[in-house]
Every structure is written in structure tokens, then in C-alpha cells.
N, C-alpha and C. Protein backbone atom coordinates (compact mmCIF):
# COMPACT_ATOMS: atom_id res chain seq x y z
N MET A 1 163.28 -116.99 -0.83
CA MET A 1 163.03 -115.22 -2.06
C MET A 1 164.01 -115.61 -2.64
N ARG A 2 165.03 -115.93 -2.63
CA ARG A 2 166.25 -115.61 -3.33
C ARG A 2 165.77 -116.20 -4.55
N LYS A 3 165.67 -117.49 -5.06
CA LYS A 3 164.75 -118.12 -6.34
C LYS A 3 163.97 -117.32 -7.03
N MET A 4 162.71 -116.68 -6.47
CA MET A 4 162.02 -115.86 -6.63
C MET A 4 162.51 -114.79 -7.24
N LEU A 5 163.64 -113.90 -6.78
CA LEU A 5 164.23 -112.87 -7.34
C LEU A 5 164.98 -112.97 -8.34
N ILE A 6 165.69 -114.44 -8.95
CA ILE A 6 166.54 -114.45 -10.26
C ILE A 6 165.48 -115.31 -10.64
N ILE A 7 164.54 -115.86 -10.80
CA ILE A 7 163.27 -115.67 -11.20
C ILE A 7 162.74 -114.79 -12.39
N LEU A 8 162.36 -113.62 -11.10
CA LEU A 8 162.20 -112.30 -11.50
C LEU A 8 162.96 -111.77 -12.56
N MET A 9 163.93 -111.51 -11.89
CA MET A 9 165.44 -110.74 -12.67
C MET A 9 165.68 -111.62 -14.65
N SER A 10 165.10 -112.59 -14.46
CA SER A 10 165.34 -113.48 -15.83
C SER A 10 164.19 -112.69 -16.58
N VAL A 11 162.96 -112.80 -15.95
CA VAL A 11 161.66 -112.92 -16.56
C VAL A 11 162.18 -111.58 -17.46
N LEU A 12 162.23 -110.50 -16.52
CA LEU A 12 162.41 -109.15 -16.95
C LEU A 12 164.13 -108.99 -17.99
N LEU A 13 165.07 -109.48 -17.60
CA LEU A 13 166.43 -109.59 -18.67
C LEU A 13 166.03 -110.38 -19.71
N VAL A 14 165.84 -111.34 -19.77
CA VAL A 14 165.40 -112.43 -21.25
C VAL A 14 165.21 -111.84 -22.49
N PRO A 15 163.80 -111.32 -21.64
CA PRO A 15 163.23 -109.89 -23.37
C PRO A 15 164.12 -109.30 -23.54
N LEU A 16 164.72 -108.10 -22.58
CA LEU A 16 165.36 -107.50 -23.01
C LEU A 16 166.51 -107.24 -23.63
N SER A 17 167.24 -108.45 -23.17
CA SER A 17 168.37 -108.78 -23.82
C SER A 17 168.02 -109.67 -25.25
N LEU A 18 166.92 -110.11 -25.60
CA LEU A 18 166.42 -110.55 -26.95
C LEU A 18 166.13 -109.55 -27.92
N SER A 19 165.78 -108.18 -27.47
CA SER A 19 165.37 -107.66 -28.24
C SER A 19 166.49 -106.57 -28.84
N TRP A 20 167.89 -106.67 -27.77
CA TRP A 20 169.30 -105.96 -28.50
C TRP A 20 169.90 -106.91 -29.67
N ALA A 21 169.56 -108.01 -29.51
CA ALA A 21 170.12 -109.24 -30.47
C ALA A 21 169.36 -109.31 -31.53
N THR A 22 170.37 -109.64 -32.91
CA THR A 22 169.84 -108.95 -33.94
C THR A 22 170.47 -110.47 -34.86
N PRO A 23 169.41 -111.12 -35.56
CA PRO A 23 169.92 -112.48 -35.56
C PRO A 23 170.81 -112.31 -37.28
N VAL A 24 171.35 -113.41 -36.79
CA VAL A 24 172.58 -113.41 -38.26
C VAL A 24 172.00 -113.12 -39.73
N GLY A 25 171.16 -113.97 -40.11
CA GLY A 25 170.42 -113.07 -41.55
C GLY A 25 170.73 -111.50 -41.08
N GLU A 26 169.82 -111.39 -40.14
CA GLU A 26 169.59 -109.47 -40.75
C GLU A 26 170.85 -108.48 -40.59
N GLN A 27 171.87 -109.50 -40.19
CA GLN A 27 173.25 -108.67 -40.65
C GLN A 27 174.11 -109.17 -41.27
N GLU A 28 173.23 -109.91 -41.84
CA GLU A 28 174.12 -109.97 -43.12
C GLU A 28 173.30 -109.54 -44.23
N LEU A 29 171.86 -109.30 -43.97
CA LEU A 29 171.30 -108.04 -44.68
C LEU A 29 171.62 -107.14 -44.84
N ASP A 30 172.16 -106.32 -43.64
CA ASP A 30 172.78 -105.13 -43.54
C ASP A 30 174.05 -105.11 -44.22
N ARG A 31 174.72 -105.88 -43.78
CA ARG A 31 176.14 -106.26 -44.86
C ARG A 31 175.99 -105.69 -46.27
N GLN A 32 174.94 -106.94 -46.58
CA GLN A 32 174.93 -106.54 -48.47
C GLN A 32 173.79 -105.29 -48.91
N VAL A 33 173.23 -104.44 -47.74
CA VAL A 33 172.61 -103.49 -48.08
C VAL A 33 173.94 -102.48 -48.27
N ARG A 34 174.43 -102.37 -47.17
CA ARG A 34 175.88 -101.52 -47.19
C ARG A 34 176.66 -101.58 -48.40
N GLU A 35 176.44 -102.42 -48.91
CA GLU A 35 178.01 -103.30 -49.91
C GLU A 35 177.35 -102.43 -51.04
N VAL A 36 175.61 -102.49 -51.39
CA VAL A 36 175.19 -102.34 -52.78
C VAL A 36 175.46 -100.58 -52.59
N ALA A 37 174.58 -99.98 -51.50
CA ALA A 37 174.59 -98.81 -51.07
C ALA A 37 175.84 -98.14 -51.44
N LYS A 38 176.79 -98.12 -50.95
CA LYS A 38 178.25 -97.62 -51.33
C LYS A 38 178.59 -97.72 -52.83
N THR A 39 177.72 -98.52 -53.83
CA THR A 39 178.42 -98.33 -55.40
C THR A 39 177.29 -97.34 -55.68
N LEU A 40 176.47 -96.86 -55.31
CA LEU A 40 175.82 -95.95 -55.67
C LEU A 40 175.71 -94.77 -55.05
N ARG A 41 175.74 -93.69 -56.13
CA ARG A 41 175.62 -92.15 -56.28
C ARG A 41 174.46 -91.67 -55.69
N CYS A 42 174.34 -90.51 -54.37
CA CYS A 42 173.63 -90.02 -53.82
C CYS A 42 173.19 -89.27 -55.16
N ALA A 43 171.74 -89.44 -55.67
CA ALA A 43 171.32 -88.33 -56.61
C ALA A 43 171.19 -86.67 -56.11
N VAL A 44 170.87 -86.68 -54.95
CA VAL A 44 171.20 -85.08 -54.28
C VAL A 44 172.06 -85.30 -53.98
N CYS A 45 173.09 -85.70 -53.15
CA CYS A 45 174.49 -85.07 -52.39
C CYS A 45 175.77 -85.14 -53.43
N GLN A 46 175.41 -85.63 -54.50
CA GLN A 46 176.47 -86.47 -56.12
C GLN A 46 177.74 -86.46 -55.45
N SER A 47 177.96 -86.10 -54.25
CA SER A 47 179.63 -86.46 -53.98
C SER A 47 179.48 -87.76 -53.09
N GLU A 48 178.69 -87.92 -52.45
CA GLU A 48 178.95 -88.86 -51.59
C GLU A 48 177.95 -90.58 -52.18
N SER A 49 177.76 -91.73 -51.05
CA SER A 49 177.10 -92.35 -51.54
C SER A 49 175.85 -92.79 -51.27
N VAL A 50 175.10 -93.62 -51.74
CA VAL A 50 173.64 -93.43 -50.79
C VAL A 50 173.95 -93.63 -49.34
N TRP A 51 174.69 -94.65 -48.95
CA TRP A 51 175.76 -95.29 -47.62
C TRP A 51 175.58 -93.85 -47.11
N GLU A 52 176.62 -93.22 -47.60
CA GLU A 52 177.09 -92.14 -46.53
C GLU A 52 176.04 -91.02 -46.92
N SER A 53 175.14 -90.51 -47.06
CA SER A 53 174.34 -89.44 -47.72
C SER A 53 172.89 -89.71 -46.44
N ASN A 54 172.67 -88.72 -46.15
CA ASN A 54 171.81 -88.61 -44.50
C ASN A 54 170.50 -87.57 -45.41
N ALA A 55 170.31 -87.61 -46.95
CA ALA A 55 169.41 -87.31 -47.02
C ALA A 55 167.81 -87.92 -47.70
N GLU A 56 167.10 -87.48 -47.68
CA GLU A 56 165.94 -88.63 -48.10
C GLU A 56 165.93 -89.62 -48.41
N LEU A 57 166.06 -89.17 -50.16
CA LEU A 57 166.21 -90.07 -51.47
C LEU A 57 167.33 -91.01 -51.14
N ALA A 58 168.23 -90.70 -50.28
CA ALA A 58 169.55 -91.54 -49.85
C ALA A 58 168.50 -93.12 -48.81
N ARG A 59 167.61 -92.19 -47.41
CA ARG A 59 167.21 -93.26 -47.45
C ARG A 59 166.21 -94.03 -47.37
N GLN A 60 165.40 -93.39 -48.89
CA GLN A 60 164.75 -94.13 -49.48
C GLN A 60 165.51 -95.29 -50.53
N MET A 61 166.16 -94.64 -50.88
CA MET A 61 167.29 -95.98 -52.11
C MET A 61 167.63 -97.11 -50.66
N ARG A 62 168.01 -97.21 -49.65
CA ARG A 62 167.90 -97.57 -48.84
C ARG A 62 167.40 -98.95 -48.92
N GLN A 63 166.72 -98.26 -48.37
CA GLN A 63 164.94 -98.99 -47.68
C GLN A 63 164.52 -100.06 -49.11
N LEU A 64 164.89 -99.42 -50.34
CA LEU A 64 164.43 -99.78 -51.35
C LEU A 64 165.29 -101.38 -51.70
N ILE A 65 166.55 -100.91 -51.43
CA ILE A 65 167.71 -101.79 -51.78
C ILE A 65 167.52 -103.43 -50.41
N ARG A 66 167.07 -102.58 -49.26
CA ARG A 66 167.08 -103.50 -48.28
C ARG A 66 165.57 -104.68 -48.53
N GLU A 67 164.40 -103.89 -48.99
CA GLU A 67 163.26 -104.22 -49.76
C GLU A 67 163.63 -105.83 -50.66
N ARG A 68 164.24 -105.21 -51.54
CA ARG A 68 164.84 -106.01 -52.96
C ARG A 68 165.38 -107.69 -52.24
N LEU A 69 166.57 -106.83 -51.72
CA LEU A 69 167.30 -108.13 -51.03
C LEU A 69 166.26 -108.79 -50.49
N ASN A 70 165.83 -108.59 -50.00
CA ASN A 70 164.51 -108.98 -48.44
C ASN A 70 163.84 -110.20 -50.00
N GLN A 71 163.32 -109.81 -51.01
CA GLN A 71 162.44 -110.47 -51.54
C GLN A 71 163.31 -110.99 -52.42
N GLY A 72 164.95 -110.90 -52.18
CA GLY A 72 165.76 -112.49 -53.20
C GLY A 72 166.30 -111.84 -54.63
N GLN A 73 166.51 -110.82 -54.36
CA GLN A 73 167.15 -110.68 -56.03
C GLN A 73 168.44 -110.22 -55.65
N SER A 74 169.25 -110.45 -56.85
CA SER A 74 170.83 -110.52 -56.15
C SER A 74 171.44 -109.00 -56.39
N PRO A 75 172.63 -108.31 -55.83
CA PRO A 75 172.78 -107.03 -55.86
C PRO A 75 173.06 -106.14 -57.02
N GLU A 76 173.47 -107.59 -58.24
CA GLU A 76 173.89 -106.96 -59.99
C GLU A 76 172.07 -106.66 -60.25
N GLU A 77 171.35 -107.61 -59.58
CA GLU A 77 169.44 -106.84 -60.36
C GLU A 77 169.68 -105.25 -59.25
N ILE A 78 169.82 -105.27 -58.61
CA ILE A 78 169.23 -103.95 -57.81
C ILE A 78 170.04 -102.75 -58.26
N LYS A 79 171.58 -103.25 -58.95
CA LYS A 79 172.68 -102.02 -59.38
C LYS A 79 171.95 -101.92 -60.43
N ALA A 80 171.36 -102.96 -61.61
CA ALA A 80 170.54 -102.81 -62.63
C ALA A 80 169.49 -102.24 -62.85
N TYR A 81 168.73 -102.35 -61.48
CA TYR A 81 167.47 -101.87 -61.76
C TYR A 81 167.36 -100.01 -61.53
N PHE A 82 168.44 -99.48 -60.65
CA PHE A 82 169.04 -98.26 -60.05
C PHE A 82 169.61 -97.65 -61.52
N LEU A 83 170.26 -98.52 -62.32
CA LEU A 83 171.13 -98.15 -63.52
C LEU A 83 169.68 -97.36 -64.44
N SER A 84 169.06 -99.01 -64.43
CA SER A 84 167.80 -98.18 -65.62
C SER A 84 166.89 -97.17 -65.37
N ARG A 85 167.58 -97.10 -63.98
CA ARG A 85 166.00 -95.92 -63.29
C ARG A 85 167.06 -94.37 -63.94
N TYR A 86 168.18 -94.28 -63.53
CA TYR A 86 169.01 -92.84 -63.35
C TYR A 86 170.03 -92.84 -64.81
N GLY A 87 170.58 -93.75 -64.90
CA GLY A 87 171.35 -93.97 -65.68
C GLY A 87 172.70 -93.96 -65.69
N ASP A 88 173.97 -93.96 -66.05
CA ASP A 88 175.18 -94.28 -65.00
C ASP A 88 175.87 -93.45 -64.41
N TYR A 89 174.81 -92.55 -64.51
CA TYR A 89 175.29 -91.71 -63.28
C TYR A 89 175.60 -92.10 -62.12
N ILE A 90 174.14 -92.39 -62.33
CA ILE A 90 173.82 -93.09 -60.64
C ILE A 90 175.20 -94.31 -59.88
N LEU A 91 176.47 -94.51 -61.11
CA LEU A 91 177.34 -95.64 -60.04
C LEU A 91 178.12 -94.60 -59.76
N MET A 92 179.05 -95.00 -58.44
CA MET A 92 179.85 -94.68 -57.96
C MET A 92 180.92 -94.67 -58.36
N GLU A 93 181.39 -95.59 -59.22
CA GLU A 93 182.40 -95.53 -60.35
C GLU A 93 182.05 -96.44 -61.31
N PRO A 94 182.48 -95.87 -62.49
CA PRO A 94 182.22 -96.36 -63.79
C PRO A 94 182.35 -96.98 -65.09
N GLN A 95 180.95 -97.58 -65.08
CA GLN A 95 181.49 -99.20 -66.03
C GLN A 95 182.69 -98.75 -66.64
N LYS A 96 183.43 -100.33 -66.42
CA LYS A 96 184.12 -100.26 -68.04
C LYS A 96 184.04 -101.03 -69.07
N SER A 97 183.68 -100.58 -69.47
CA SER A 97 183.01 -100.92 -71.23
C SER A 97 182.72 -99.81 -71.50
N GLY A 98 182.90 -100.16 -73.42
CA GLY A 98 182.64 -99.01 -74.00
C GLY A 98 183.25 -97.80 -74.29
N LEU A 99 182.67 -96.92 -74.38
CA LEU A 99 183.45 -95.26 -74.68
C LEU A 99 183.80 -95.10 -72.44
N ASN A 100 183.57 -95.81 -71.95
CA ASN A 100 183.95 -95.67 -70.65
C ASN A 100 185.45 -96.05 -70.43
N TRP A 101 186.09 -97.11 -71.61
CA TRP A 101 187.05 -97.02 -71.28
C TRP A 101 188.07 -95.95 -71.60
N VAL A 102 187.37 -94.93 -72.20
CA VAL A 102 188.99 -93.84 -72.39
C VAL A 102 188.73 -92.93 -71.13
N LEU A 103 187.71 -93.27 -70.24
CA LEU A 103 188.11 -92.74 -68.79
C LEU A 103 188.84 -93.10 -67.79
N TRP A 104 189.22 -94.58 -68.19
CA TRP A 104 190.24 -95.13 -67.04
C TRP A 104 191.70 -95.82 -67.80
N VAL A 105 191.47 -95.05 -69.10
CA VAL A 105 193.10 -95.86 -69.99
C VAL A 105 193.50 -93.96 -70.46
N GLY A 106 192.17 -93.41 -70.58
CA GLY A 106 192.98 -91.54 -70.81
C GLY A 106 194.10 -90.83 -70.13
N PRO A 107 193.41 -90.72 -68.79
CA PRO A 107 194.49 -90.22 -67.96
C PRO A 107 196.14 -90.94 -68.05
N PHE A 108 196.33 -91.92 -67.92
CA PHE A 108 197.68 -92.97 -67.86
C PHE A 108 198.45 -92.71 -69.53
N ALA A 109 196.93 -92.49 -70.48
CA ALA A 109 198.23 -92.44 -71.70
C ALA A 109 198.63 -91.22 -72.02
N LEU A 110 197.69 -89.40 -71.49
CA LEU A 110 198.25 -88.57 -71.50
C LEU A 110 199.49 -88.32 -70.93
N LEU A 111 199.65 -89.13 -69.56
CA LEU A 111 200.52 -88.52 -68.44
C LEU A 111 201.85 -89.34 -69.58
N GLY A 112 201.36 -90.39 -70.18
CA GLY A 112 202.66 -91.37 -71.16
C GLY A 112 202.93 -90.45 -71.97
N ILE A 113 201.92 -90.05 -73.01
CA ILE A 113 202.48 -89.32 -73.88
C ILE A 113 203.45 -87.37 -73.44
N GLY A 114 203.12 -87.00 -72.85
CA GLY A 114 203.19 -85.99 -71.93
C GLY A 114 204.72 -85.86 -71.43
N GLY A 115 205.03 -87.24 -71.10
CA GLY A 115 206.38 -87.38 -70.39
C GLY A 115 207.24 -87.90 -71.76
N MET A 116 207.06 -88.53 -72.96
CA MET A 116 207.62 -88.75 -73.77
C MET A 116 207.68 -87.12 -74.50
N LEU A 117 207.04 -86.45 -74.66
CA LEU A 117 207.16 -84.61 -75.13
C LEU A 117 208.26 -84.48 -74.38
N LEU A 118 208.47 -84.52 -73.21
CA LEU A 118 209.24 -83.95 -71.98
C LEU A 118 210.28 -84.24 -71.84
N TYR A 119 211.07 -85.67 -72.17
CA TYR A 119 211.96 -86.08 -72.83
C TYR A 119 212.50 -85.94 -73.55
N ARG A 120 211.77 -85.79 -74.80
CA ARG A 120 212.52 -85.56 -76.23
C ARG A 120 212.55 -84.11 -76.21
N THR A 121 212.32 -83.33 -75.42
CA THR A 121 212.25 -81.81 -75.82
C THR A 121 213.78 -81.43 -74.91
N LEU A 122 213.55 -81.83 -73.41
CA LEU A 122 214.80 -81.58 -72.32
C LEU A 122 216.74 -82.65 -73.54
N THR A 123 215.98 -83.56 -74.10
CA THR A 123 217.46 -84.21 -74.62
C THR A 123 218.25 -83.32 -75.55
N ARG A 124 216.88 -82.24 -76.32
CA ARG A 124 217.42 -81.71 -77.50
C ARG A 124 218.05 -80.26 -76.79
N TRP A 125 217.81 -80.03 -75.69
CA TRP A 125 217.94 -78.70 -75.57
C TRP A 125 219.32 -79.16 -74.82
N VAL A 126 219.67 -79.77 -74.34
CA VAL A 126 220.88 -80.72 -73.64
C VAL A 126 221.67 -80.69 -75.07
N THR A 127 221.32 -81.58 -75.71
CA THR A 127 222.64 -81.60 -76.71
C THR A 127 222.58 -80.25 -77.55
N GLN A 128 221.62 -79.16 -77.46
CA GLN A 128 222.38 -78.22 -78.29
C GLN A 128 223.19 -77.42 -77.57
N SER A 129 222.94 -77.38 -75.99
CA SER A 129 223.57 -76.57 -74.56
C SER A 129 225.28 -77.18 -75.01
N ALA A 130 225.29 -78.87 -75.21
CA ALA A 130 226.41 -79.40 -74.54
C ALA A 130 227.17 -78.98 -76.08
N SER A 131 226.85 -78.96 -77.54
CA SER A 131 227.66 -78.63 -78.91
C SER A 131 228.44 -77.74 -78.35
N THR A 132 229.80 -77.40 -79.20
CA THR A 132 230.20 -76.63 -79.43
C THR A 132 229.49 -75.47 -79.93
N PRO A 133 229.59 -73.97 -79.41
CA PRO A 133 229.52 -72.55 -79.77
C PRO A 133 230.37 -72.48 -81.50
N GLU A 134 229.07 -72.14 -82.38
CA GLU A 134 229.81 -72.07 -83.52
C GLU A 134 230.48 -70.54 -83.67
N GLU A 135 231.64 -70.62 -83.95
CA GLU A 135 232.21 -69.09 -84.38
C GLU A 135 231.04 -67.98 -85.55
N PRO A 136 231.40 -66.75 -85.23
CA PRO A 136 230.89 -65.65 -86.06
C PRO A 136 231.19 -66.27 -87.25
N PRO A 137 231.00 -65.76 -88.52
CA PRO A 137 231.55 -65.24 -89.99
C PRO A 137 232.48 -64.54 -90.04
N ALA A 138 233.40 -64.46 -90.62
CA ALA A 138 234.17 -64.11 -91.25
C ALA A 138 234.20 -62.39 -91.73
N MET A 139 234.03 -61.43 -91.10
CA MET A 139 233.65 -60.27 -91.87
C MET A 139 234.71 -60.00 -92.93
N ASN A 140 234.29 -59.55 -94.13
CA ASN A 140 234.40 -59.08 -95.13
C ASN A 140 235.22 -57.80 -95.68
N ASP A 141 235.78 -57.21 -95.67
CA ASP A 141 236.54 -56.10 -96.36
C ASP A 141 235.45 -54.63 -96.17
N LEU A 142 234.24 -54.72 -96.51
CA LEU A 142 233.56 -53.65 -96.46
C LEU A 142 232.82 -53.68 -95.13
N GLN A 143 232.52 -54.69 -94.43
CA GLN A 143 232.33 -54.48 -92.99
C GLN A 143 233.40 -54.18 -92.40
N ARG A 144 234.75 -54.71 -92.36
CA ARG A 144 235.47 -54.10 -91.33
C ARG A 144 235.89 -52.93 -91.50
N ARG A 145 235.83 -52.14 -92.80
CA ARG A 145 235.78 -50.16 -92.95
C ARG A 145 234.96 -49.68 -91.57
N ARG A 146 233.22 -50.41 -92.40
CA ARG A 146 232.67 -49.87 -91.98
C ARG A 146 232.19 -49.76 -90.49
N LEU A 147 232.96 -50.64 -89.86
CA LEU A 147 233.30 -50.97 -88.38
C LEU A 147 234.41 -49.87 -87.92
N GLU A 148 235.84 -49.55 -88.65
CA GLU A 148 236.97 -49.19 -87.95
C GLU A 148 236.15 -47.44 -88.14
N GLN A 149 235.39 -47.40 -89.03
CA GLN A 149 234.64 -45.50 -89.34
C GLN A 149 233.92 -45.66 -87.54
N GLU A 150 232.98 -46.30 -87.36
CA GLU A 150 232.44 -46.37 -86.31
C GLU A 150 233.06 -46.24 -85.06
N LEU A 151 233.52 -46.59 -85.14
CA LEU A 151 234.92 -46.80 -84.18
C LEU A 151 235.45 -45.38 -83.72
N ARG A 152 235.95 -45.21 -85.15
CA ARG A 152 236.58 -43.61 -85.18
C ARG A 152 236.14 -42.42 -84.57
N SER A 153 234.49 -42.64 -85.29
CA SER A 153 233.26 -41.99 -84.60
C SER A 153 233.08 -41.23 -83.23
N LEU A 154 233.05 -42.70 -82.73
CA LEU A 154 233.32 -42.73 -80.88
C LEU A 154 233.80 -42.09 -80.19
N GLU A 155 235.78 -42.37 -80.72
CA GLU A 155 236.49 -41.68 -80.54
C GLU A 155 236.38 -40.09 -80.50
N LYS A 156 235.91 -39.72 -81.40
CA LYS A 156 236.02 -38.11 -81.02
C LYS A 156 235.29 -37.69 -80.29
């Protein structure tokens, strides 16, 4: 009776446990799909990758990535396919070639130029404030007489 129960349980549990297990190849395929999908932008959500998005288009794109990987295409070929259909916009990270170098280098160059201008302006201000103030020019006789006249008129 006991043997019969063990055999019955093993017959019922083995297929159940096999359905939960995923083959190693399937895990590797899932990893590749995830890596490719994280580099592509969802055309509907615009701020999320295809992997993060729940939009129907993103699901279709993930399925297409899976199918193409199953067919033996490399991740670079799949990215090139989406790039040819959607343009540079589909990439989460712009390519580092051509005019896109301005996007990569421009902010740092502007920051450097701004820092140099700020440094130059501050050093000018410091040297101007540190220099001795100039004496006002001496008054001539005409200016002195006029000043005295104004002061007398105020005293009256």
C-alpha cells in the first residue's frame, strides 16, 4: 500500500514539477530578450524601454525580439532591424557617431567654457576690489568758488 502511494505521488508530482522548470536555453533566451529590449525605446510610452513598458506595441516588440533570437539573429542585427524601421529615436542611448557626438560632448564642453568665463569674471572682480581706490581729481578754482557759493546759500 505504501509503495502504491509513493508511486502515485511520484506519477502526479513529477509532471507538475517538470512544467515549472524552464530549460537552460529558455533562461538564456529570456536574458537575451531582456538585454535587447532594455536598449530599445517604446514608441508609445517614449520614456520607457520596451522591457519596462506594458503597452501592446512593447509586448509585440518583445515577442518579435524573441522570435528573431530563436531564428539565430544576433542582438546587433535585431537592433539594426528596429533602427531601420523607427530611426535613431528607437534607441534608448543615442549612437556615439557622427553628429551625435555633439550630444555626448556638448554639455561637458559648455560646462567647461562656462566655468572658465566665471573664473575670469571673478578674478577681475577680485583684482578690481583689491586695488586702491583712486583719489578724486583736484578741484580747480572755478569749481572751488562754486562749491563755496553753494555752501553759503545753504547756511542762509
